[in-house]
Amino acid sequence: MVIDAPHNQGTEVATWEKVRFLSSPEAYPGHPPVTVLETHMSWVFLAGDLVYKFKKPVRYPFLDFTSLARRERHCAAELRLNRRLAPRVYRRLVALRLKRTGELALGGSGEPVEWLVEMERLSEGDMLDRRIKANTVSTDAVVAIGDKLGRFYAAARSERRRGRVYLEHLVTETAVNRKLLLLEGCPVRPGRAEPLLARVEKLLEAHAPAIAARTADGLIVEGHGDLRPEHVHLGTELDIIDCLEFDRTMRLLDPYDEVNYLGLECEFLGAGWIRPILLDVVDDHLGGHRPAPRLLATYGAFRAVLRARICVAHLLDPEPMEAERWPGEAERYLELAERECATAED
């Protein structure tokens, strides 16, 4: 299907023109109604039973999507990596093309002006975060999540040679946490943030030998990288979506850290009972390599502070989305980090 679309000179097409075209039912076979979503890094189009996503031409310190070639590579990586845990959801790459007539078309012939990931549309009400809020998560569902993750980690290649970057990443991100959470004007109270940051830094330093030993034992793998409840789908099939594709370093981790983080996010939503079940089931698959409770709590404290930092980072955008949401969430994550620190220091 094609729609007339004005475009810039040559093969350059402005982002707003792409968004306008893809927002129209006429862009898709069958002309389904279209819902448009915007995130910090992407535009997402819900069109009938399918979802299309393209990356904004943005640059951050941790990623660069400013060229079409880079966006194509990252879309291909998104497809490949997410098929590990959601093969039925991630269908294919599709080119948005500029035809010789000056029309835009999704697929077909013509010069590619953007690349999109095509996905199956999932029921929003069956995402784990929604199910937690509705109090409709069963123990069997949590066991199934743990089984899927346990098999995934057990099959993953050991990253013994590159595993040292995991500890380096923890240290580097902790320094960034300090920088952002102590910025002048930060909505988090400095009297709360600074002592907590010092506690987490001290815990990571104390546990660095244990983390290094786990690396030497081959326990670091390439995981999901952004394992949160809103990325777990509990429909007729269990799907885990939206892995972090733009930086492999962020996916190299201790699987227990990642599973503990998912459990921590469930606790943040009021379902603290989920975390121990996930850890037990995954541990059964990984041969009983669960970290000592103090190290596991240190991982939790680090992740909770990182989440508080991300909340603050949202407010640094020129036009922050949901600005009223982030200060309160940042404080709640710091409260969670304080509880994890208390466990780690016990």
C-alpha atoms as a PDB file:
ATOM      1  CA  MET A   1       0.000   0.000   0.000  1.00  0.00           C
ATOM      2  CA  VAL A   2       1.272   3.500  -0.785  1.00  0.00           C
ATOM      3  CA  ILE A   3       0.314   6.995   0.198  1.00  0.00           C
ATOM      4  CA  ASP A   4       1.435  10.274  -1.297  1.00  0.00           C
ATOM      5  CA  ALA A   5       4.066  11.759   0.982  1.00  0.00           C
ATOM      6  CA  PRO A   6       6.091  14.913   0.381  1.00  0.00           C
ATOM      7  CA  HIS A   7       9.785  14.408   0.915  1.00  0.00           C
ATOM      8  CA  ASN A   8      13.017  16.277   1.103  1.00  0.00           C
ATOM      9  CA  GLN A   9      15.457  16.619  -1.752  1.00  0.00           C
ATOM     10  CA  GLY A  10      17.115  13.362  -2.849  1.00  0.00           C
ATOM     11  CA  THR A  11      16.313  10.259  -0.833  1.00  0.00           C
ATOM     12  CA  GLU A  12      16.164  12.013   2.545  1.00  0.00           C
ATOM     13  CA  VAL A  13      12.784  11.770   4.233  1.00  0.00           C
ATOM     14  CA  ALA A  14      12.131  13.658   7.451  1.00  0.00           C
ATOM     15  CA  THR A  15      11.177  11.675  10.548  1.00  0.00           C
ATOM     16  CA  TRP A  16       7.840  13.479  10.814  1.00  0.00           C
ATOM     17  CA  GLU A  17       6.990  12.387   7.264  1.00  0.00           C
ATOM     18  CA  LYS A  18       7.731   8.756   8.108  1.00  0.00           C
ATOM     19  CA  VAL A  19       5.623   8.998  11.266  1.00  0.00           C
ATOM     20  CA  ARG A  20       2.738  10.610   9.379  1.00  0.00           C
ATOM     21  CA  PHE A  21       2.786   7.893   6.718  1.00  0.00           C
ATOM     22  CA  LEU A  22       3.011   5.013   9.190  1.00  0.00           C
ATOM     23  CA  SER A  23       0.253   6.538  11.345  1.00  0.00           C
ATOM     24  CA  SER A  24      -2.267   6.033   8.530  1.00  0.00           C
ATOM     25  CA  PRO A  25      -4.259   2.793   8.097  1.00  0.00           C
ATOM     26  CA  GLU A  26      -3.611   3.138   4.359  1.00  0.00           C
ATOM     27  CA  ALA A  27       0.041   2.227   4.953  1.00  0.00           C
ATOM     28  CA  TYR A  28      -0.847  -1.375   5.838  1.00  0.00           C
ATOM     29  CA  PRO A  29      -2.644  -4.274   4.100  1.00  0.00           C
ATOM     30  CA  GLY A  30      -6.286  -4.376   5.148  1.00  0.00           C
ATOM     31  CA  HIS A  31      -6.161  -0.774   6.410  1.00  0.00           C
ATOM     32  CA  PRO A  32      -6.299  -1.630  10.150  1.00  0.00           C
ATOM     33  CA  PRO A  33      -6.726   1.100  12.773  1.00  0.00           C
ATOM     34  CA  VAL A  34      -3.329   2.376  13.940  1.00  0.00           C
ATOM     35  CA  THR A  35      -2.219   3.393  17.414  1.00  0.00           C
ATOM     36  CA  VAL A  36       1.021   5.382  17.602  1.00  0.00           C
ATOM     37  CA  LEU A  37       3.374   5.240  20.587  1.00  0.00           C
ATOM     38  CA  GLU A  38       6.535   7.247  21.156  1.00  0.00           C
ATOM     39  CA  THR A  39       9.430   6.228  23.390  1.00  0.00           C
ATOM     40  CA  HIS A  40      12.750   7.934  23.992  1.00  0.00           C
ATOM     41  CA  MET A  41      14.417   5.965  21.210  1.00  0.00           C
ATOM     42  CA  SER A  42      11.645   4.682  18.930  1.00  0.00           C
ATOM     43  CA  TRP A  43       8.331   5.207  17.193  1.00  0.00           C
ATOM     44  CA  VAL A  44       5.940   2.265  17.523  1.00  0.00           C
ATOM     45  CA  PHE A  45       2.855   1.610  15.371  1.00  0.00           C
ATOM     46  CA  LEU A  46       0.194  -0.863  16.492  1.00  0.00           C
ATOM     47  CA  ALA A  47      -1.563  -1.884  13.283  1.00  0.00           C
ATOM     48  CA  GLY A  48      -4.134  -4.623  13.713  1.00  0.00           C
ATOM     49  CA  ASP A  49      -2.424  -7.850  14.773  1.00  0.00           C
ATOM     50  CA  LEU A  50       1.053  -6.518  14.029  1.00  0.00           C
ATOM     51  CA  VAL A  51       3.452  -3.981  15.497  1.00  0.00           C
ATOM     52  CA  TYR A  52       6.051  -1.983  13.582  1.00  0.00           C
ATOM     53  CA  LYS A  53       8.901  -0.126  15.250  1.00  0.00           C
ATOM     54  CA  PHE A  54      11.595   2.145  13.889  1.00  0.00           C
ATOM     55  CA  LYS A  55      14.400   3.814  15.757  1.00  0.00           C
ATOM     56  CA  LYS A  56      14.667   7.560  16.096  1.00  0.00           C
ATOM     57  CA  PRO A  57      17.801   9.142  14.565  1.00  0.00           C
ATOM     58  CA  VAL A  58      19.174  10.019  18.004  1.00  0.00           C
ATOM     59  CA  ARG A  59      22.569   9.902  19.650  1.00  0.00           C
ATOM     60  CA  TYR A  60      23.206   9.297  23.347  1.00  0.00           C
ATOM     61  CA  PRO A  61      26.493   8.586  25.129  1.00  0.00           C
ATOM     62  CA  PHE A  62      25.617   4.868  25.009  1.00  0.00           C
ATOM     63  CA  LEU A  63      24.205   4.588  21.448  1.00  0.00           C
ATOM     64  CA  ASP A  64      24.166   6.206  18.018  1.00  0.00           C
ATOM     65  CA  PHE A  65      21.180   5.811  15.689  1.00  0.00           C
ATOM     66  CA  THR A  66      21.932   8.855  13.553  1.00  0.00           C
ATOM     67  CA  SER A  67      22.578   7.053  10.253  1.00  0.00           C
ATOM     68  CA  LEU A  68      20.237   4.768   8.329  1.00  0.00           C
ATOM     69  CA  ALA A  69      22.953   2.103   8.153  1.00  0.00           C
ATOM     70  CA  ARG A  70      23.341   2.138  11.942  1.00  0.00           C
ATOM     71  CA  ARG A  71      19.586   1.869  12.431  1.00  0.00           C
ATOM     72  CA  GLU A  72      19.431  -1.079  10.040  1.00  0.00           C
ATOM     73  CA  ARG A  73      22.208  -2.873  11.970  1.00  0.00           C
ATOM     74  CA  HIS A  74      20.494  -2.265  15.287  1.00  0.00           C
ATOM     75  CA  CYS A  75      17.120  -3.429  13.945  1.00  0.00           C
ATOM     76  CA  ALA A  76      18.768  -6.621  12.675  1.00  0.00           C
ATOM     77  CA  ALA A  77      20.385  -7.108  16.099  1.00  0.00           C
ATOM     78  CA  GLU A  78      17.054  -6.517  17.818  1.00  0.00           C
ATOM     79  CA  LEU A  79      15.441  -9.185  15.657  1.00  0.00           C
ATOM     80  CA  ARG A  80      18.241 -11.722  16.186  1.00  0.00           C
ATOM     81  CA  LEU A  81      18.623 -11.227  19.923  1.00  0.00           C
ATOM     82  CA  ASN A  82      14.940 -11.182  20.754  1.00  0.00           C
ATOM     83  CA  ARG A  83      14.304 -14.377  18.833  1.00  0.00           C
ATOM     84  CA  ARG A  84      16.237 -16.136  21.600  1.00  0.00           C
ATOM     85  CA  LEU A  85      13.331 -15.711  24.040  1.00  0.00           C
ATOM     86  CA  ALA A  86      10.421 -14.714  21.776  1.00  0.00           C
ATOM     87  CA  PRO A  87      10.928 -16.338  18.356  1.00  0.00           C
ATOM     88  CA  ARG A  88       7.264 -16.226  17.347  1.00  0.00           C
ATOM     89  CA  VAL A  89       6.926 -12.518  18.192  1.00  0.00           C
ATOM     90  CA  TYR A  90       9.819 -11.104  16.173  1.00  0.00           C
ATOM     91  CA  ARG A  91       8.848 -11.729  12.554  1.00  0.00           C
ATOM     92  CA  ARG A  92      11.133  -9.868  10.165  1.00  0.00           C
ATOM     93  CA  LEU A  93      12.776  -6.619   9.103  1.00  0.00           C
ATOM     94  CA  VAL A  94      10.752  -4.425   6.766  1.00  0.00           C
ATOM     95  CA  ALA A  95      12.023  -1.481   4.723  1.00  0.00           C
ATOM     96  CA  LEU A  96      10.095   1.749   4.399  1.00  0.00           C
ATOM     97  CA  ARG A  97      10.830   2.657   0.785  1.00  0.00           C
ATOM     98  CA  LEU A  98      10.640   5.770  -1.350  1.00  0.00           C
ATOM     99  CA  LYS A  99       9.272   4.911  -4.773  1.00  0.00           C
ATOM    100  CA  ARG A 100      10.288   6.717  -7.944  1.00  0.00           C
ATOM    101  CA  THR A 101       6.872   8.378  -7.942  1.00  0.00           C
ATOM    102  CA  GLY A 102       7.705  10.115  -4.660  1.00  0.00           C
ATOM    103  CA  GLU A 103       5.384   7.885  -2.660  1.00  0.00           C
ATOM    104  CA  LEU A 104       6.326   6.022   0.511  1.00  0.00           C
ATOM    105  CA  ALA A 105       5.572   2.303   0.723  1.00  0.00           C
ATOM    106  CA  LEU A 106       6.049  -0.340   3.385  1.00  0.00           C
ATOM    107  CA  GLY A 107       8.025  -3.011   1.548  1.00  0.00           C
ATOM    108  CA  GLY A 108       8.085  -3.493  -2.194  1.00  0.00           C
ATOM    109  CA  SER A 109      10.544  -1.732  -4.471  1.00  0.00           C
ATOM    110  CA  GLY A 110      12.256   1.612  -4.093  1.00  0.00           C
ATOM    111  CA  GLU A 111      15.030   3.213  -2.093  1.00  0.00           C
ATOM    112  CA  PRO A 112      15.064   2.235   1.628  1.00  0.00           C
ATOM    113  CA  VAL A 113      14.605   5.333   3.787  1.00  0.00           C
ATOM    114  CA  GLU A 114      13.962   3.542   7.094  1.00  0.00           C
ATOM    115  CA  TRP A 115      14.058   0.062   8.627  1.00  0.00           C
ATOM    116  CA  LEU A 116      11.378  -1.359  10.881  1.00  0.00           C
ATOM    117  CA  VAL A 117      11.050  -4.450  13.038  1.00  0.00           C
ATOM    118  CA  GLU A 118       7.764  -6.256  12.429  1.00  0.00           C
ATOM    119  CA  MET A 119       6.325  -8.085  15.441  1.00  0.00           C
ATOM    120  CA  GLU A 120       3.267  -9.992  16.522  1.00  0.00           C
ATOM    121  CA  ARG A 121       1.034  -7.832  18.693  1.00  0.00           C
ATOM    122  CA  LEU A 122       0.728  -9.093  22.251  1.00  0.00           C
ATOM    123  CA  SER A 123      -2.113  -8.566  24.694  1.00  0.00           C
ATOM    124  CA  GLU A 124      -1.124  -5.693  26.991  1.00  0.00           C
ATOM    125  CA  GLY A 125      -3.269  -7.125  29.765  1.00  0.00           C
ATOM    126  CA  ASP A 126      -1.133 -10.286  29.793  1.00  0.00           C
ATOM    127  CA  MET A 127       2.165  -8.529  30.441  1.00  0.00           C
ATOM    128  CA  LEU A 128       3.555  -9.471  33.851  1.00  0.00           C
ATOM    129  CA  ASP A 129       3.368  -5.936  35.256  1.00  0.00           C
ATOM    130  CA  ARG A 130      -0.336  -5.692  34.341  1.00  0.00           C
ATOM    131  CA  ARG A 131      -1.045  -9.130  35.738  1.00  0.00           C
ATOM    132  CA  ILE A 132       0.670  -8.218  39.010  1.00  0.00           C
ATOM    133  CA  LYS A 133      -1.481  -5.101  39.317  1.00  0.00           C
ATOM    134  CA  ALA A 134      -4.587  -7.182  38.592  1.00  0.00           C
ATOM    135  CA  ASN A 135      -3.462  -9.853  41.102  1.00  0.00           C
ATOM    136  CA  THR A 136      -3.798 -12.589  38.477  1.00  0.00           C
ATOM    137  CA  VAL A 137      -0.293 -14.093  38.525  1.00  0.00           C
ATOM    138  CA  SER A 138      -0.191 -17.756  39.520  1.00  0.00           C
ATOM    139  CA  THR A 139       2.681 -19.680  41.059  1.00  0.00           C
ATOM    140  CA  ASP A 140       2.651 -21.933  37.982  1.00  0.00           C
ATOM    141  CA  ALA A 141       3.192 -18.890  35.748  1.00  0.00           C
ATOM    142  CA  VAL A 142       6.183 -17.778  37.809  1.00  0.00           C
ATOM    143  CA  VAL A 143       7.643 -21.291  37.681  1.00  0.00           C
ATOM    144  CA  ALA A 144       7.215 -21.234  33.893  1.00  0.00           C
ATOM    145  CA  ILE A 145       9.122 -17.948  33.688  1.00  0.00           C
ATOM    146  CA  GLY A 146      11.906 -19.392  35.809  1.00  0.00           C
ATOM    147  CA  ASP A 147      12.022 -22.539  33.638  1.00  0.00           C
ATOM    148  CA  LYS A 148      12.282 -20.544  30.425  1.00  0.00           C
ATOM    149  CA  LEU A 149      15.023 -18.318  31.837  1.00  0.00           C
ATOM    150  CA  GLY A 150      16.851 -21.245  33.419  1.00  0.00           C
ATOM    151  CA  ARG A 151      16.985 -23.127  30.118  1.00  0.00           C
ATOM    152  CA  PHE A 152      18.093 -19.952  28.347  1.00  0.00           C
ATOM    153  CA  TYR A 153      20.996 -19.316  30.729  1.00  0.00           C
ATOM    154  CA  ALA A 154      22.004 -22.982  30.877  1.00  0.00           C
ATOM    155  CA  ALA A 155      22.314 -23.050  27.076  1.00  0.00           C
ATOM    156  CA  ALA A 156      24.214 -19.767  26.890  1.00  0.00           C
ATOM    157  CA  ARG A 157      27.931 -19.776  26.182  1.00  0.00           C
ATOM    158  CA  SER A 158      30.172 -18.987  29.134  1.00  0.00           C
ATOM    159  CA  GLU A 159      31.802 -15.585  28.765  1.00  0.00           C
ATOM    160  CA  ARG A 160      34.858 -16.425  30.843  1.00  0.00           C
ATOM    161  CA  ARG A 161      37.231 -14.434  28.607  1.00  0.00           C
ATOM    162  CA  ARG A 162      35.083 -11.317  28.385  1.00  0.00           C
ATOM    163  CA  GLY A 163      33.314 -11.746  31.697  1.00  0.00           C
ATOM    164  CA  ARG A 164      35.603  -9.269  33.435  1.00  0.00           C
ATOM    165  CA  VAL A 165      33.711  -6.455  31.694  1.00  0.00           C
ATOM    166  CA  TYR A 166      30.738  -7.308  33.916  1.00  0.00           C
ATOM    167  CA  LEU A 167      32.516  -6.120  37.073  1.00  0.00           C
ATOM    168  CA  GLU A 168      33.925  -3.161  35.176  1.00  0.00           C
ATOM    169  CA  HIS A 169      30.398  -2.305  34.062  1.00  0.00           C
ATOM    170  CA  LEU A 170      29.092  -2.407  37.651  1.00  0.00           C
ATOM    171  CA  VAL A 171      31.838  -0.038  38.776  1.00  0.00           C
ATOM    172  CA  THR A 172      31.373   2.333  35.832  1.00  0.00           C
ATOM    173  CA  GLU A 173      27.603   2.497  36.222  1.00  0.00           C
ATOM    174  CA  THR A 174      27.964   3.119  39.950  1.00  0.00           C
ATOM    175  CA  ALA A 175      30.067   6.205  39.164  1.00  0.00           C
ATOM    176  CA  VAL A 176      27.370   7.420  36.747  1.00  0.00           C
ATOM    177  CA  ASN A 177      24.751   6.811  39.439  1.00  0.00           C
ATOM    178  CA  ARG A 178      26.662   9.122  41.753  1.00  0.00           C
ATOM    179  CA  LYS A 179      27.019  11.821  39.109  1.00  0.00           C
ATOM    180  CA  LEU A 180      23.332  11.977  38.232  1.00  0.00           C
ATOM    181  CA  LEU A 181      21.803  11.443  41.662  1.00  0.00           C
ATOM    182  CA  LEU A 182      23.915  14.232  43.163  1.00  0.00           C
ATOM    183  CA  LEU A 183      23.276  16.759  40.403  1.00  0.00           C
ATOM    184  CA  GLU A 184      22.129  20.165  41.560  1.00  0.00           C
ATOM    185  CA  GLY A 185      18.372  20.289  41.177  1.00  0.00           C
ATOM    186  CA  CYS A 186      17.997  16.498  41.310  1.00  0.00           C
ATOM    187  CA  PRO A 187      14.566  15.698  42.807  1.00  0.00           C
ATOM    188  CA  VAL A 188      16.124  13.067  45.083  1.00  0.00           C
ATOM    189  CA  ARG A 189      17.126  14.392  48.486  1.00  0.00           C
ATOM    190  CA  PRO A 190      20.974  14.633  48.621  1.00  0.00           C
ATOM    191  CA  GLY A 191      20.904  13.709  52.303  1.00  0.00           C
ATOM    192  CA  ARG A 192      19.437  10.376  51.314  1.00  0.00           C
ATOM    193  CA  ALA A 193      21.262   9.708  48.059  1.00  0.00           C
ATOM    194  CA  GLU A 194      24.872  10.356  49.089  1.00  0.00           C
ATOM    195  CA  PRO A 195      25.039   7.950  52.063  1.00  0.00           C
ATOM    196  CA  LEU A 196      23.233   5.275  50.054  1.00  0.00           C
ATOM    197  CA  LEU A 197      25.621   5.650  47.120  1.00  0.00           C
ATOM    198  CA  ALA A 198      28.551   5.273  49.500  1.00  0.00           C
ATOM    199  CA  ARG A 199      27.041   2.088  50.942  1.00  0.00           C
ATOM    200  CA  VAL A 200      26.555   0.519  47.518  1.00  0.00           C
ATOM    201  CA  GLU A 201      30.085   1.472  46.451  1.00  0.00           C
ATOM    202  CA  LYS A 202      31.494  -0.082  49.623  1.00  0.00           C
ATOM    203  CA  LEU A 203      29.490  -3.274  49.079  1.00  0.00           C
ATOM    204  CA  LEU A 204      30.642  -3.627  45.467  1.00  0.00           C
ATOM    205  CA  GLU A 205      34.248  -3.131  46.550  1.00  0.00           C
ATOM    206  CA  ALA A 206      33.869  -5.759  49.270  1.00  0.00           C
ATOM    207  CA  HIS A 207      32.298  -8.267  46.881  1.00  0.00           C
ATOM    208  CA  ALA A 208      34.592  -7.597  43.913  1.00  0.00           C
ATOM    209  CA  PRO A 209      36.723 -10.724  44.639  1.00  0.00           C
ATOM    210  CA  ALA A 210      33.600 -12.918  44.762  1.00  0.00           C
ATOM    211  CA  ILE A 211      32.329 -11.452  41.478  1.00  0.00           C
ATOM    212  CA  ALA A 212      35.746 -11.991  39.890  1.00  0.00           C
ATOM    213  CA  ALA A 213      35.731 -15.589  41.114  1.00  0.00           C
ATOM    214  CA  ARG A 214      32.297 -16.157  39.556  1.00  0.00           C
ATOM    215  CA  THR A 215      33.690 -14.781  36.299  1.00  0.00           C
ATOM    216  CA  ALA A 216      36.681 -17.120  36.492  1.00  0.00           C
ATOM    217  CA  ASP A 217      34.300 -20.028  37.124  1.00  0.00           C
ATOM    218  CA  GLY A 218      32.539 -19.262  33.814  1.00  0.00           C
ATOM    219  CA  LEU A 219      29.262 -18.092  35.347  1.00  0.00           C
ATOM    220  CA  ILE A 220      28.943 -14.886  33.293  1.00  0.00           C
ATOM    221  CA  VAL A 221      26.748 -15.204  30.183  1.00  0.00           C
ATOM    222  CA  GLU A 222      25.086 -13.008  27.581  1.00  0.00           C
ATOM    223  CA  GLY A 223      21.625 -12.417  28.976  1.00  0.00           C
ATOM    224  CA  HIS A 224      18.595 -10.266  28.202  1.00  0.00           C
ATOM    225  CA  GLY A 225      19.924  -6.963  29.523  1.00  0.00           C
ATOM    226  CA  ASP A 226      16.601  -5.321  30.455  1.00  0.00           C
ATOM    227  CA  LEU A 227      14.575  -8.010  32.200  1.00  0.00           C
ATOM    228  CA  ARG A 228      11.559  -6.230  33.654  1.00  0.00           C
ATOM    229  CA  PRO A 229       7.941  -7.332  34.263  1.00  0.00           C
ATOM    230  CA  GLU A 230       6.642  -5.244  31.356  1.00  0.00           C
ATOM    231  CA  HIS A 231       8.790  -7.377  29.043  1.00  0.00           C
ATOM    232  CA  VAL A 232       7.310 -10.725  30.129  1.00  0.00           C
ATOM    233  CA  HIS A 233       4.151 -11.871  28.338  1.00  0.00           C
ATOM    234  CA  LEU A 234       1.928 -14.478  30.018  1.00  0.00           C
ATOM    235  CA  GLY A 235      -0.515 -15.199  27.203  1.00  0.00           C
ATOM    236  CA  THR A 236      -1.213 -18.571  25.638  1.00  0.00           C
ATOM    237  CA  GLU A 237       2.542 -18.689  25.072  1.00  0.00           C
ATOM    238  CA  LEU A 238       5.252 -17.300  27.338  1.00  0.00           C
ATOM    239  CA  ASP A 239       7.313 -14.644  25.587  1.00  0.00           C
ATOM    240  CA  ILE A 240      10.129 -12.475  26.942  1.00  0.00           C
ATOM    241  CA  ILE A 241      10.629  -9.452  24.708  1.00  0.00           C
ATOM    242  CA  ASP A 242      12.520  -6.174  24.347  1.00  0.00           C
ATOM    243  CA  CYS A 243      16.031  -7.259  25.243  1.00  0.00           C
ATOM    244  CA  LEU A 244      18.701  -4.579  25.278  1.00  0.00           C
ATOM    245  CA  GLU A 245      20.256  -4.797  21.820  1.00  0.00           C
ATOM    246  CA  PHE A 246      22.464  -1.739  21.451  1.00  0.00           C
ATOM    247  CA  ASP A 247      25.321  -2.630  23.835  1.00  0.00           C
ATOM    248  CA  ARG A 248      26.516  -6.200  24.352  1.00  0.00           C
ATOM    249  CA  THR A 249      28.470  -5.133  27.425  1.00  0.00           C
ATOM    250  CA  MET A 250      25.171  -4.506  29.213  1.00  0.00           C
ATOM    251  CA  ARG A 251      24.041  -8.038  28.381  1.00  0.00           C
ATOM    252  CA  LEU A 252      27.147  -9.716  29.846  1.00  0.00           C
ATOM    253  CA  LEU A 253      26.134 -10.518  33.400  1.00  0.00           C
ATOM    254  CA  ASP A 254      25.648 -12.958  36.211  1.00  0.00           C
ATOM    255  CA  PRO A 255      22.302 -14.639  35.426  1.00  0.00           C
ATOM    256  CA  TYR A 256      21.399 -14.550  39.109  1.00  0.00           C
ATOM    257  CA  ASP A 257      21.828 -10.783  39.057  1.00  0.00           C
ATOM    258  CA  GLU A 258      19.393 -10.553  36.129  1.00  0.00           C
ATOM    259  CA  VAL A 259      16.784 -12.896  37.637  1.00  0.00           C
ATOM    260  CA  ASN A 260      17.092 -11.186  41.000  1.00  0.00           C
ATOM    261  CA  TYR A 261      16.507  -7.880  39.215  1.00  0.00           C
ATOM    262  CA  LEU A 262      13.288  -9.167  37.645  1.00  0.00           C
ATOM    263  CA  GLY A 263      12.171 -10.280  41.087  1.00  0.00           C
ATOM    264  CA  LEU A 264      13.122  -6.895  42.523  1.00  0.00           C
ATOM    265  CA  GLU A 265      10.973  -5.123  39.927  1.00  0.00           C
ATOM    266  CA  CYS A 266       8.093  -7.441  40.817  1.00  0.00           C
ATOM    267  CA  GLU A 267       8.607  -6.487  44.455  1.00  0.00           C
ATOM    268  CA  PHE A 268       8.522  -2.813  43.460  1.00  0.00           C
ATOM    269  CA  LEU A 269       5.056  -3.516  42.018  1.00  0.00           C
ATOM    270  CA  GLY A 270       3.928  -5.214  45.229  1.00  0.00           C
ATOM    271  CA  ALA A 271       4.661  -8.886  44.416  1.00  0.00           C
ATOM    272  CA  GLY A 272       7.706  -9.684  46.529  1.00  0.00           C
ATOM    273  CA  TRP A 273       6.703 -13.366  46.648  1.00  0.00           C
ATOM    274  CA  ILE A 274       7.804 -13.831  43.030  1.00  0.00           C
ATOM    275  CA  ARG A 275      11.541 -13.289  43.528  1.00  0.00           C
ATOM    276  CA  PRO A 276      12.418 -16.349  45.654  1.00  0.00           C
ATOM    277  CA  ILE A 277      10.468 -18.666  43.336  1.00  0.00           C
ATOM    278  CA  LEU A 278      12.283 -17.349  40.260  1.00  0.00           C
ATOM    279  CA  LEU A 279      15.659 -17.735  41.944  1.00  0.00           C
ATOM    280  CA  ASP A 280      14.906 -21.287  43.116  1.00  0.00           C
ATOM    281  CA  VAL A 281      13.735 -22.456  39.689  1.00  0.00           C
ATOM    282  CA  VAL A 282      16.633 -20.871  37.814  1.00  0.00           C
ATOM    283  CA  ASP A 283      19.071 -22.288  40.358  1.00  0.00           C
ATOM    284  CA  ASP A 284      17.758 -25.788  39.633  1.00  0.00           C
ATOM    285  CA  HIS A 285      18.715 -25.304  35.969  1.00  0.00           C
ATOM    286  CA  LEU A 286      22.126 -23.793  36.703  1.00  0.00           C
ATOM    287  CA  GLY A 287      23.393 -26.442  39.064  1.00  0.00           C
ATOM    288  CA  GLY A 288      23.198 -24.641  42.377  1.00  0.00           C
ATOM    289  CA  HIS A 289      25.533 -21.703  41.707  1.00  0.00           C
ATOM    290  CA  ARG A 290      23.387 -19.136  43.508  1.00  0.00           C
ATOM    291  CA  PRO A 291      25.495 -16.332  45.028  1.00  0.00           C
ATOM    292  CA  ALA A 292      25.703 -15.886  48.771  1.00  0.00           C
ATOM    293  CA  PRO A 293      22.739 -13.868  50.126  1.00  0.00           C
ATOM    294  CA  ARG A 294      24.906 -10.815  50.776  1.00  0.00           C
ATOM    295  CA  LEU A 295      26.195 -10.733  47.201  1.00  0.00           C
ATOM    296  CA  LEU A 296      22.691 -11.235  45.835  1.00  0.00           C
ATOM    297  CA  ALA A 297      21.485  -8.313  47.965  1.00  0.00           C
ATOM    298  CA  THR A 298      24.417  -6.220  46.708  1.00  0.00           C
ATOM    299  CA  TYR A 299      23.278  -6.916  43.158  1.00  0.00           C
ATOM    300  CA  GLY A 300      19.788  -5.828  44.200  1.00  0.00           C
ATOM    301  CA  ALA A 301      21.013  -2.598  45.778  1.00  0.00           C
ATOM    302  CA  PHE A 302      23.004  -1.747  42.652  1.00  0.00           C
ATOM    303  CA  ARG A 303      19.996  -2.372  40.364  1.00  0.00           C
ATOM    304  CA  ALA A 304      17.596  -0.373  42.524  1.00  0.00           C
ATOM    305  CA  VAL A 305      19.938   2.644  42.585  1.00  0.00           C
ATOM    306  CA  LEU A 306      20.414   2.324  38.833  1.00  0.00           C
ATOM    307  CA  ARG A 307      16.646   2.429  38.379  1.00  0.00           C
ATOM    308  CA  ALA A 308      16.454   5.555  40.553  1.00  0.00           C
ATOM    309  CA  ARG A 309      19.082   7.143  38.317  1.00  0.00           C
ATOM    310  CA  ILE A 310      17.105   6.273  35.190  1.00  0.00           C
ATOM    311  CA  CYS A 311      14.059   7.963  36.711  1.00  0.00           C
ATOM    312  CA  VAL A 312      16.134  11.111  37.263  1.00  0.00           C
ATOM    313  CA  ALA A 313      17.614  10.886  33.755  1.00  0.00           C
ATOM    314  CA  HIS A 314      14.104  11.080  32.266  1.00  0.00           C
ATOM    315  CA  LEU A 315      13.774  14.538  33.800  1.00  0.00           C
ATOM    316  CA  LEU A 316      16.920  15.748  32.014  1.00  0.00           C
ATOM    317  CA  ASP A 317      15.214  15.465  28.626  1.00  0.00           C
ATOM    318  CA  PRO A 318      14.311  18.844  27.080  1.00  0.00           C
ATOM    319  CA  GLU A 319      10.640  17.770  27.078  1.00  0.00           C
ATOM    320  CA  PRO A 320      10.375  14.942  29.616  1.00  0.00           C
ATOM    321  CA  MET A 321       7.497  12.488  29.253  1.00  0.00           C
ATOM    322  CA  GLU A 322       5.405  11.917  32.399  1.00  0.00           C
ATOM    323  CA  ALA A 323       7.529  14.396  34.336  1.00  0.00           C
ATOM    324  CA  GLU A 324       5.345  14.144  37.433  1.00  0.00           C
ATOM    325  CA  ARG A 325       5.948  10.387  37.671  1.00  0.00           C
ATOM    326  CA  TRP A 326       9.711  10.204  38.064  1.00  0.00           C
ATOM    327  CA  PRO A 327      10.562  11.949  41.388  1.00  0.00           C
ATOM    328  CA  GLY A 328       8.286   9.677  43.395  1.00  0.00           C
ATOM    329  CA  GLU A 329       9.487   6.547  41.626  1.00  0.00           C
ATOM    330  CA  ALA A 330      13.129   7.524  42.160  1.00  0.00           C
ATOM    331  CA  GLU A 331      12.518   7.850  45.907  1.00  0.00           C
ATOM    332  CA  ARG A 332      10.770   4.456  46.001  1.00  0.00           C
ATOM    333  CA  TYR A 333      13.683   2.788  44.237  1.00  0.00           C
ATOM    334  CA  LEU A 334      16.098   4.337  46.726  1.00  0.00           C
ATOM    335  CA  GLU A 335      13.966   2.969  49.546  1.00  0.00           C
ATOM    336  CA  LEU A 336      14.205  -0.465  47.937  1.00  0.00           C
ATOM    337  CA  ALA A 337      17.983  -0.042  47.612  1.00  0.00           C
ATOM    338  CA  GLU A 338      18.230   0.800  51.308  1.00  0.00           C
ATOM    339  CA  ARG A 339      16.468  -2.451  52.207  1.00  0.00           C
ATOM    340  CA  GLU A 340      18.804  -4.416  49.940  1.00  0.00           C
ATOM    341  CA  CYS A 341      21.818  -2.721  51.503  1.00  0.00           C
ATOM    342  CA  ALA A 342      20.586  -3.625  54.974  1.00  0.00           C
ATOM    343  CA  THR A 343      20.389  -7.276  53.922  1.00  0.00           C
ATOM    344  CA  ALA A 344      23.845  -7.160  52.318  1.00  0.00           C
ATOM    345  CA  GLU A 345      25.369  -5.558  55.415  1.00  0.00           C
ATOM    346  CA  ASP A 346      23.688  -7.897  57.901  1.00  0.00           C
END
